[in-house]
């Protein structure tokens, strides 16, 4: 029989008869075997995720250190530091300038922190935050007055 012909042949269905009906003990053994495999796969997945997180942290520390990260003298990121970095990334992504004044202020501080900032510059940024915040609140109130039904039906 040719290969093409054997592949197109439909498999014969198994008919449930007394001879082919699976034994309850066989089914229980198979379920136990599958449960063990599932538990092993779950453990392997958790191990892989932990290794992936460790590698990502290593790469991040390496980037912060300018590529000079020596694993032997590792200053691993603590969980808290890692969470701070994740929070900062969220702030960067949701920063839309003066319409998100707090985010803009935090990003601005970070930008200026790459050089020596003076207290005067920090006060100027803080003054801009206060102005932008008041303006954003005013715009939100105006939008609410102009489109109350639209905002009430808006999903977050």
N, C-alpha and C. Protein backbone atom coordinates (compact mmCIF):
# COMPACT_ATOMS: atom_id res chain seq x y z
N UNK A 1 0.86 -1.17 0.00
CA UNK A 1 0.00 0.00 0.00
C UNK A 1 0.90 1.23 0.00
N UNK A 2 0.61 2.21 -0.83
CA UNK A 2 1.44 3.40 -0.92
C UNK A 2 1.23 4.27 0.31
N UNK A 3 2.23 5.13 0.51
CA UNK A 3 2.19 6.01 1.68
C UNK A 3 0.99 6.96 1.62
N UNK A 4 0.73 7.54 0.45
CA UNK A 4 -0.39 8.46 0.30
C UNK A 4 -1.71 7.77 0.57
N UNK A 5 -1.82 6.54 0.11
CA UNK A 5 -3.07 5.81 0.30
C UNK A 5 -3.27 5.44 1.77
N UNK A 6 -2.18 5.06 2.46
CA UNK A 6 -2.32 4.68 3.87
C UNK A 6 -2.67 5.89 4.74
N UNK A 7 -2.23 7.09 4.34
CA UNK A 7 -2.53 8.29 5.13
C UNK A 7 -3.98 8.73 4.95
N UNK A 8 -4.54 8.43 3.79
CA UNK A 8 -5.91 8.86 3.55
C UNK A 8 -6.93 7.88 4.12
N UNK A 9 -6.48 6.71 4.52
CA UNK A 9 -7.39 5.72 5.08
C UNK A 9 -7.86 6.16 6.47
N UNK A 10 -9.14 6.12 6.70
CA UNK A 10 -9.70 6.53 7.99
C UNK A 10 -9.43 5.47 9.03
N UNK A 11 -9.12 5.90 10.25
CA UNK A 11 -8.89 4.91 11.32
C UNK A 11 -10.20 4.19 11.66
N UNK A 12 -10.06 2.95 12.02
CA UNK A 12 -11.22 2.16 12.41
C UNK A 12 -11.65 2.57 13.81
N UNK A 13 -12.92 2.93 14.00
CA UNK A 13 -13.37 3.33 15.34
C UNK A 13 -13.37 2.13 16.30
N UNK A 14 -13.08 2.43 17.55
CA UNK A 14 -13.11 1.37 18.58
C UNK A 14 -14.54 1.27 19.08
N UNK A 15 -15.04 0.09 19.05
CA UNK A 15 -16.40 -0.13 19.51
C UNK A 15 -16.34 -0.62 20.96
N UNK A 16 -17.16 -0.03 21.78
CA UNK A 16 -17.18 -0.41 23.20
C UNK A 16 -17.93 -1.72 23.35
N UNK A 17 -17.19 -2.73 23.64
CA UNK A 17 -17.78 -4.04 23.91
C UNK A 17 -17.23 -4.49 25.24
N UNK A 18 -17.71 -5.60 25.69
CA UNK A 18 -17.21 -6.11 26.96
C UNK A 18 -15.72 -6.40 26.87
N UNK A 19 -15.24 -6.78 25.68
CA UNK A 19 -13.83 -7.11 25.52
C UNK A 19 -12.96 -5.84 25.47
N UNK A 20 -13.49 -4.75 24.92
CA UNK A 20 -12.67 -3.54 24.77
C UNK A 20 -12.93 -2.48 25.83
N UNK A 21 -13.94 -2.64 26.65
CA UNK A 21 -14.22 -1.64 27.68
C UNK A 21 -13.05 -1.58 28.65
N UNK A 22 -12.57 -0.36 28.94
CA UNK A 22 -11.42 -0.25 29.84
C UNK A 22 -11.78 -0.64 31.26
N UNK A 23 -10.85 -1.23 31.92
CA UNK A 23 -10.99 -1.63 33.31
C UNK A 23 -10.87 -0.38 34.19
N UNK A 24 -11.67 -0.28 35.23
CA UNK A 24 -11.65 0.87 36.13
C UNK A 24 -10.26 1.05 36.73
N UNK A 25 -9.60 -0.02 37.06
CA UNK A 25 -8.25 0.08 37.63
C UNK A 25 -7.27 0.63 36.61
N UNK A 26 -7.44 0.25 35.33
CA UNK A 26 -6.57 0.78 34.27
C UNK A 26 -6.78 2.29 34.11
N UNK A 27 -8.03 2.71 34.16
CA UNK A 27 -8.34 4.13 34.04
C UNK A 27 -7.75 4.88 35.23
N UNK A 28 -7.90 4.36 36.42
CA UNK A 28 -7.36 5.01 37.62
C UNK A 28 -5.84 5.11 37.53
N UNK A 29 -5.20 4.06 37.04
CA UNK A 29 -3.74 4.08 36.89
C UNK A 29 -3.32 5.14 35.88
N UNK A 30 -4.07 5.24 34.78
CA UNK A 30 -3.75 6.23 33.75
C UNK A 30 -3.95 7.65 34.29
N UNK A 31 -5.02 7.88 35.05
CA UNK A 31 -5.27 9.19 35.64
C UNK A 31 -4.14 9.55 36.61
N UNK A 32 -3.70 8.58 37.41
CA UNK A 32 -2.60 8.81 38.34
C UNK A 32 -1.33 9.16 37.58
N UNK A 33 -1.06 8.42 36.51
CA UNK A 33 0.13 8.67 35.69
C UNK A 33 0.07 10.08 35.08
N UNK A 34 -1.08 10.45 34.56
CA UNK A 34 -1.24 11.78 33.97
C UNK A 34 -1.10 12.88 35.03
N UNK A 35 -1.62 12.62 36.22
CA UNK A 35 -1.49 13.60 37.31
C UNK A 35 -0.03 13.82 37.68
N UNK A 36 0.73 12.74 37.71
CA UNK A 36 2.16 12.84 38.02
C UNK A 36 2.87 13.64 36.94
N UNK A 37 2.56 13.35 35.68
CA UNK A 37 3.18 14.09 34.57
C UNK A 37 2.80 15.57 34.63
N UNK A 38 1.56 15.86 34.95
CA UNK A 38 1.10 17.24 35.06
C UNK A 38 1.84 17.97 36.17
N UNK A 39 2.01 17.32 37.31
CA UNK A 39 2.74 17.93 38.43
C UNK A 39 4.19 18.19 38.05
N UNK A 40 4.81 17.24 37.34
CA UNK A 40 6.20 17.42 36.89
C UNK A 40 6.29 18.58 35.89
N UNK A 41 5.35 18.64 34.97
CA UNK A 41 5.35 19.72 33.98
C UNK A 41 5.15 21.07 34.66
N UNK A 42 4.30 21.11 35.67
CA UNK A 42 4.06 22.34 36.41
C UNK A 42 5.33 22.80 37.13
N UNK A 43 6.04 21.85 37.75
CA UNK A 43 7.30 22.17 38.42
C UNK A 43 8.33 22.68 37.42
N UNK A 44 8.42 22.02 36.27
CA UNK A 44 9.37 22.43 35.24
C UNK A 44 9.05 23.84 34.74
N UNK A 45 7.76 24.14 34.59
CA UNK A 45 7.35 25.47 34.14
C UNK A 45 7.74 26.53 35.17
N UNK A 46 7.49 26.24 36.46
CA UNK A 46 7.86 27.19 37.51
C UNK A 46 9.37 27.40 37.54
N UNK A 47 10.13 26.33 37.38
CA UNK A 47 11.59 26.44 37.35
C UNK A 47 12.04 27.28 36.16
N UNK A 48 11.43 27.06 35.01
CA UNK A 48 11.77 27.82 33.80
C UNK A 48 11.43 29.29 33.97
N UNK A 49 10.27 29.58 34.58
CA UNK A 49 9.88 30.98 34.82
C UNK A 49 10.85 31.65 35.78
N UNK A 50 11.28 30.93 36.83
CA UNK A 50 12.23 31.49 37.78
C UNK A 50 13.57 31.77 37.10
N UNK A 51 14.01 30.85 36.25
CA UNK A 51 15.26 31.04 35.52
C UNK A 51 15.15 32.22 34.56
N UNK A 52 13.99 32.35 33.92
CA UNK A 52 13.77 33.45 32.99
C UNK A 52 13.77 34.79 33.73
N UNK A 53 13.14 34.83 34.91
CA UNK A 53 13.12 36.06 35.70
C UNK A 53 14.53 36.41 36.16
N UNK A 54 15.29 35.40 36.57
CA UNK A 54 16.67 35.65 37.01
C UNK A 54 17.51 36.18 35.86
N UNK A 55 17.33 35.62 34.67
CA UNK A 55 18.07 36.08 33.50
C UNK A 55 17.67 37.51 33.14
N UNK A 56 16.38 37.81 33.21
CA UNK A 56 15.91 39.17 32.90
C UNK A 56 16.49 40.16 33.91
N UNK A 57 16.53 39.78 35.18
CA UNK A 57 17.09 40.65 36.21
C UNK A 57 18.58 40.86 35.94
N UNK A 58 19.27 39.78 35.59
CA UNK A 58 20.70 39.88 35.28
C UNK A 58 20.93 40.84 34.12
N UNK A 59 20.12 40.70 33.06
CA UNK A 59 20.26 41.57 31.89
C UNK A 59 19.96 43.03 32.26
N UNK A 60 18.97 43.25 33.10
CA UNK A 60 18.61 44.59 33.52
C UNK A 60 19.73 45.21 34.34
N UNK A 61 20.28 44.46 35.28
CA UNK A 61 21.38 44.97 36.10
C UNK A 61 22.58 45.27 35.20
N UNK A 62 22.81 44.42 34.23
CA UNK A 62 23.91 44.62 33.29
C UNK A 62 23.73 45.91 32.49
N UNK A 63 22.48 46.17 32.07
CA UNK A 63 22.20 47.40 31.34
C UNK A 63 22.42 48.62 32.23
N UNK A 64 21.95 48.54 33.47
CA UNK A 64 22.10 49.66 34.40
C UNK A 64 23.57 49.92 34.69
N UNK A 65 24.35 48.85 34.81
CA UNK A 65 25.78 48.98 35.08
C UNK A 65 26.57 49.34 33.83
N UNK A 66 25.90 49.54 32.72
CA UNK A 66 26.60 49.90 31.48
C UNK A 66 27.35 48.73 30.88
N UNK A 67 26.88 47.53 31.12
CA UNK A 67 27.52 46.35 30.54
C UNK A 67 28.68 45.83 31.36
N UNK A 68 28.99 46.50 32.47
CA UNK A 68 30.13 46.10 33.30
C UNK A 68 29.72 45.18 34.44
N UNK A 69 28.60 44.52 34.30
CA UNK A 69 28.09 43.68 35.39
C UNK A 69 28.90 42.39 35.47
N UNK A 70 29.52 42.17 36.61
CA UNK A 70 30.29 40.96 36.86
C UNK A 70 29.47 40.06 37.77
N UNK A 71 29.04 38.89 37.27
CA UNK A 71 28.22 38.02 38.11
C UNK A 71 28.89 37.61 39.42
N UNK A 72 30.23 37.60 39.45
CA UNK A 72 30.93 37.22 40.68
C UNK A 72 30.77 38.31 41.75
N UNK A 73 30.70 39.55 41.32
CA UNK A 73 30.51 40.66 42.26
C UNK A 73 29.09 41.20 42.11
N UNK A 74 28.18 40.28 41.99
CA UNK A 74 26.81 40.63 41.67
C UNK A 74 26.12 41.40 42.78
N UNK A 75 25.49 42.47 42.37
CA UNK A 75 24.60 43.20 43.26
C UNK A 75 23.20 42.95 42.72
N UNK A 76 22.72 41.75 42.94
CA UNK A 76 21.42 41.35 42.42
C UNK A 76 20.35 42.33 42.86
N UNK A 77 19.39 42.53 41.99
CA UNK A 77 18.26 43.37 42.37
C UNK A 77 17.40 42.63 43.38
N UNK A 78 17.07 43.32 44.42
CA UNK A 78 16.14 42.72 45.37
C UNK A 78 14.76 42.70 44.73
N UNK A 79 13.87 41.96 45.29
CA UNK A 79 12.50 41.92 44.77
C UNK A 79 11.90 43.32 44.81
N UNK A 80 12.17 44.06 45.88
CA UNK A 80 11.65 45.41 46.03
C UNK A 80 12.19 46.33 44.91
N UNK A 81 13.50 46.23 44.64
CA UNK A 81 14.09 47.05 43.58
C UNK A 81 13.51 46.69 42.22
N UNK A 82 13.32 45.40 42.01
CA UNK A 82 12.74 44.96 40.75
C UNK A 82 11.32 45.50 40.60
N UNK A 83 10.54 45.46 41.67
CA UNK A 83 9.17 45.99 41.63
C UNK A 83 9.17 47.50 41.39
N UNK A 84 10.15 48.21 41.93
CA UNK A 84 10.27 49.65 41.68
C UNK A 84 10.54 49.92 40.19
N UNK A 85 11.41 49.10 39.61
CA UNK A 85 11.70 49.27 38.18
C UNK A 85 10.47 48.99 37.33
N UNK A 86 9.71 47.97 37.69
CA UNK A 86 8.47 47.66 36.97
C UNK A 86 7.49 48.83 37.10
N UNK A 87 7.39 49.38 38.30
CA UNK A 87 6.49 50.52 38.52
C UNK A 87 6.94 51.72 37.68
N UNK A 88 8.25 51.94 37.61
CA UNK A 88 8.75 53.06 36.81
C UNK A 88 8.46 52.84 35.33
N UNK A 89 8.58 51.62 34.85
CA UNK A 89 8.24 51.33 33.46
C UNK A 89 6.77 51.62 33.18
N UNK A 90 5.90 51.30 34.13
CA UNK A 90 4.48 51.61 33.97
C UNK A 90 4.26 53.12 33.90
N UNK A 91 4.98 53.86 34.74
CA UNK A 91 4.87 55.31 34.73
C UNK A 91 5.31 55.86 33.38
N UNK A 92 6.41 55.35 32.85
CA UNK A 92 6.89 55.79 31.54
C UNK A 92 5.83 55.54 30.47
N UNK A 93 5.23 54.36 30.50
CA UNK A 93 4.23 54.00 29.48
C UNK A 93 2.96 54.85 29.57
N UNK A 94 2.57 55.22 30.78
CA UNK A 94 1.32 55.98 30.92
C UNK A 94 1.56 57.49 30.94
N UNK A 95 2.81 57.92 30.78
CA UNK A 95 3.13 59.34 30.77
C UNK A 95 2.67 59.96 29.45
N UNK A 96 1.78 60.96 29.57
CA UNK A 96 1.31 61.70 28.40
C UNK A 96 1.49 63.19 28.63
N UNK A 97 2.60 63.55 29.23
CA UNK A 97 2.90 64.95 29.44
C UNK A 97 1.99 65.60 30.46
N UNK A 98 1.53 66.82 30.13
CA UNK A 98 0.76 67.59 31.12
C UNK A 98 -0.62 66.99 31.41
N UNK A 99 -1.09 66.06 30.57
CA UNK A 99 -2.38 65.42 30.89
C UNK A 99 -2.22 64.33 31.95
N UNK A 100 -0.99 63.92 32.23
CA UNK A 100 -0.68 63.02 33.34
C UNK A 100 0.46 63.66 34.14
N UNK A 101 0.14 64.71 34.89
CA UNK A 101 1.19 65.53 35.49
C UNK A 101 2.13 64.81 36.47
N UNK A 102 1.61 63.92 37.26
CA UNK A 102 2.48 63.23 38.22
C UNK A 102 3.47 62.33 37.48
N UNK A 103 2.97 61.62 36.49
CA UNK A 103 3.86 60.76 35.69
C UNK A 103 4.93 61.60 34.99
N UNK A 104 4.51 62.73 34.41
CA UNK A 104 5.46 63.61 33.72
C UNK A 104 6.52 64.13 34.70
N UNK A 105 6.10 64.46 35.92
CA UNK A 105 7.02 64.95 36.93
C UNK A 105 8.06 63.89 37.29
N UNK A 106 7.60 62.66 37.51
CA UNK A 106 8.51 61.58 37.88
C UNK A 106 9.50 61.31 36.76
N UNK A 107 9.02 61.26 35.52
CA UNK A 107 9.91 61.02 34.38
C UNK A 107 10.90 62.18 34.25
N UNK A 108 10.42 63.41 34.46
CA UNK A 108 11.29 64.58 34.38
C UNK A 108 12.40 64.51 35.44
N UNK A 109 12.02 64.13 36.65
CA UNK A 109 13.03 63.99 37.72
C UNK A 109 14.07 62.95 37.33
N UNK A 110 13.62 61.86 36.78
CA UNK A 110 14.55 60.82 36.38
C UNK A 110 15.49 61.33 35.29
N UNK A 111 14.91 62.05 34.32
CA UNK A 111 15.72 62.59 33.23
C UNK A 111 16.78 63.53 33.77
N UNK A 112 16.37 64.43 34.67
CA UNK A 112 17.31 65.39 35.24
C UNK A 112 18.30 64.74 36.20
N UNK A 113 17.93 63.60 36.76
CA UNK A 113 18.81 62.93 37.72
C UNK A 113 20.06 62.36 37.06
N UNK A 114 20.06 62.30 35.72
CA UNK A 114 21.26 61.81 35.03
C UNK A 114 22.39 62.82 35.10
N UNK A 115 22.08 64.01 35.58
CA UNK A 115 23.09 65.03 35.83
C UNK A 115 22.79 65.61 37.21
N UNK A 116 23.67 66.42 37.68
CA UNK A 116 23.47 67.01 39.02
C UNK A 116 22.34 68.03 38.96
N UNK A 117 21.31 67.80 39.76
CA UNK A 117 20.19 68.74 39.84
C UNK A 117 20.37 69.64 41.05
N UNK A 118 19.96 70.85 40.88
CA UNK A 118 20.00 71.78 42.01
C UNK A 118 18.62 71.81 42.67
N UNK A 119 18.55 72.21 43.93
CA UNK A 119 17.23 72.34 44.57
C UNK A 119 16.31 73.29 43.80
N UNK A 120 16.90 74.32 43.19
CA UNK A 120 16.10 75.27 42.42
C UNK A 120 15.42 74.56 41.24
N UNK A 121 16.15 73.70 40.55
CA UNK A 121 15.57 72.97 39.42
C UNK A 121 14.46 72.02 39.88
N UNK A 122 14.66 71.42 41.03
CA UNK A 122 13.63 70.53 41.57
C UNK A 122 12.38 71.33 41.92
N UNK A 123 12.57 72.50 42.53
CA UNK A 123 11.42 73.38 42.85
C UNK A 123 10.69 73.80 41.58
N UNK A 124 11.45 74.11 40.52
CA UNK A 124 10.83 74.50 39.25
C UNK A 124 9.98 73.35 38.69
N UNK A 125 10.53 72.14 38.75
CA UNK A 125 9.76 70.97 38.29
C UNK A 125 8.52 70.76 39.16
N UNK A 126 8.66 70.98 40.46
CA UNK A 126 7.53 70.83 41.37
C UNK A 126 6.46 71.90 41.09
N UNK A 127 6.91 73.12 40.82
CA UNK A 127 5.95 74.18 40.46
C UNK A 127 5.21 73.82 39.18
N UNK A 128 5.93 73.28 38.20
CA UNK A 128 5.30 72.86 36.95
C UNK A 128 4.30 71.74 37.21
N UNK A 129 4.64 70.81 38.11
CA UNK A 129 3.71 69.74 38.46
C UNK A 129 2.43 70.33 39.03
N UNK A 130 2.56 71.28 39.95
CA UNK A 130 1.36 71.89 40.55
C UNK A 130 0.51 72.58 39.50
N UNK A 131 1.15 73.32 38.57
CA UNK A 131 0.41 74.00 37.51
C UNK A 131 -0.30 72.98 36.59
N UNK A 132 0.46 71.97 36.17
CA UNK A 132 -0.11 70.95 35.27
C UNK A 132 -1.23 70.18 35.94
N UNK A 133 -1.07 69.92 37.24
CA UNK A 133 -2.08 69.17 37.97
C UNK A 133 -3.38 69.97 38.05
N UNK A 134 -3.27 71.24 38.40
CA UNK A 134 -4.45 72.10 38.47
C UNK A 134 -5.12 72.20 37.10
N UNK A 135 -4.32 72.32 36.05
CA UNK A 135 -4.87 72.41 34.69
C UNK A 135 -5.57 71.11 34.30
N UNK A 136 -4.98 69.98 34.65
CA UNK A 136 -5.59 68.69 34.33
C UNK A 136 -6.92 68.53 35.06
N UNK A 137 -6.97 68.93 36.34
CA UNK A 137 -8.22 68.87 37.09
C UNK A 137 -9.28 69.78 36.46
N UNK A 138 -8.88 70.97 36.08
CA UNK A 138 -9.80 71.91 35.46
C UNK A 138 -10.35 71.34 34.15
N UNK A 139 -9.48 70.75 33.34
CA UNK A 139 -9.91 70.15 32.07
C UNK A 139 -10.85 68.97 32.31
N UNK A 140 -10.56 68.18 33.33
CA UNK A 140 -11.43 67.04 33.64
C UNK A 140 -12.82 67.51 34.07
N UNK A 141 -12.85 68.57 34.89
CA UNK A 141 -14.15 69.12 35.32
C UNK A 141 -14.93 69.67 34.13
N UNK A 142 -14.23 70.38 33.24
CA UNK A 142 -14.88 70.94 32.06
C UNK A 142 -15.41 69.82 31.16
N UNK A 143 -14.63 68.79 30.97
CA UNK A 143 -15.06 67.65 30.17
C UNK A 143 -16.29 67.00 30.78
N UNK A 144 -16.29 66.87 32.09
CA UNK A 144 -17.44 66.27 32.79
C UNK A 144 -18.70 67.12 32.63
N UNK A 145 -18.54 68.44 32.70
CA UNK A 145 -19.69 69.34 32.50
C UNK A 145 -20.23 69.27 31.08
N UNK A 146 -19.32 69.19 30.10
CA UNK A 146 -19.75 69.20 28.70
C UNK A 146 -20.32 67.85 28.25
N UNK A 147 -19.81 66.77 28.80
CA UNK A 147 -20.22 65.44 28.34
C UNK A 147 -20.55 64.50 29.51
N UNK A 148 -21.49 64.87 30.36
CA UNK A 148 -21.76 64.04 31.54
C UNK A 148 -22.28 62.65 31.18
N UNK A 149 -23.14 62.53 30.20
CA UNK A 149 -23.67 61.21 29.87
C UNK A 149 -22.61 60.34 29.21
N UNK A 150 -21.75 60.94 28.43
CA UNK A 150 -20.68 60.20 27.78
C UNK A 150 -19.71 59.63 28.81
N UNK A 151 -19.34 60.44 29.78
CA UNK A 151 -18.41 60.00 30.81
C UNK A 151 -19.04 58.96 31.74
N UNK A 152 -20.34 59.09 31.98
CA UNK A 152 -21.01 58.13 32.85
C UNK A 152 -21.04 56.75 32.22
N UNK A 153 -21.12 56.72 30.88
CA UNK A 153 -21.18 55.41 30.21
C UNK A 153 -19.79 54.88 29.85
N UNK A 154 -18.75 55.69 30.03
CA UNK A 154 -17.40 55.27 29.68
C UNK A 154 -16.90 54.19 30.62
N UNK A 155 -16.22 53.20 30.04
CA UNK A 155 -15.61 52.15 30.84
C UNK A 155 -14.19 52.52 31.14
N UNK A 156 -13.72 52.10 32.30
CA UNK A 156 -12.33 52.40 32.67
C UNK A 156 -11.38 51.51 31.94
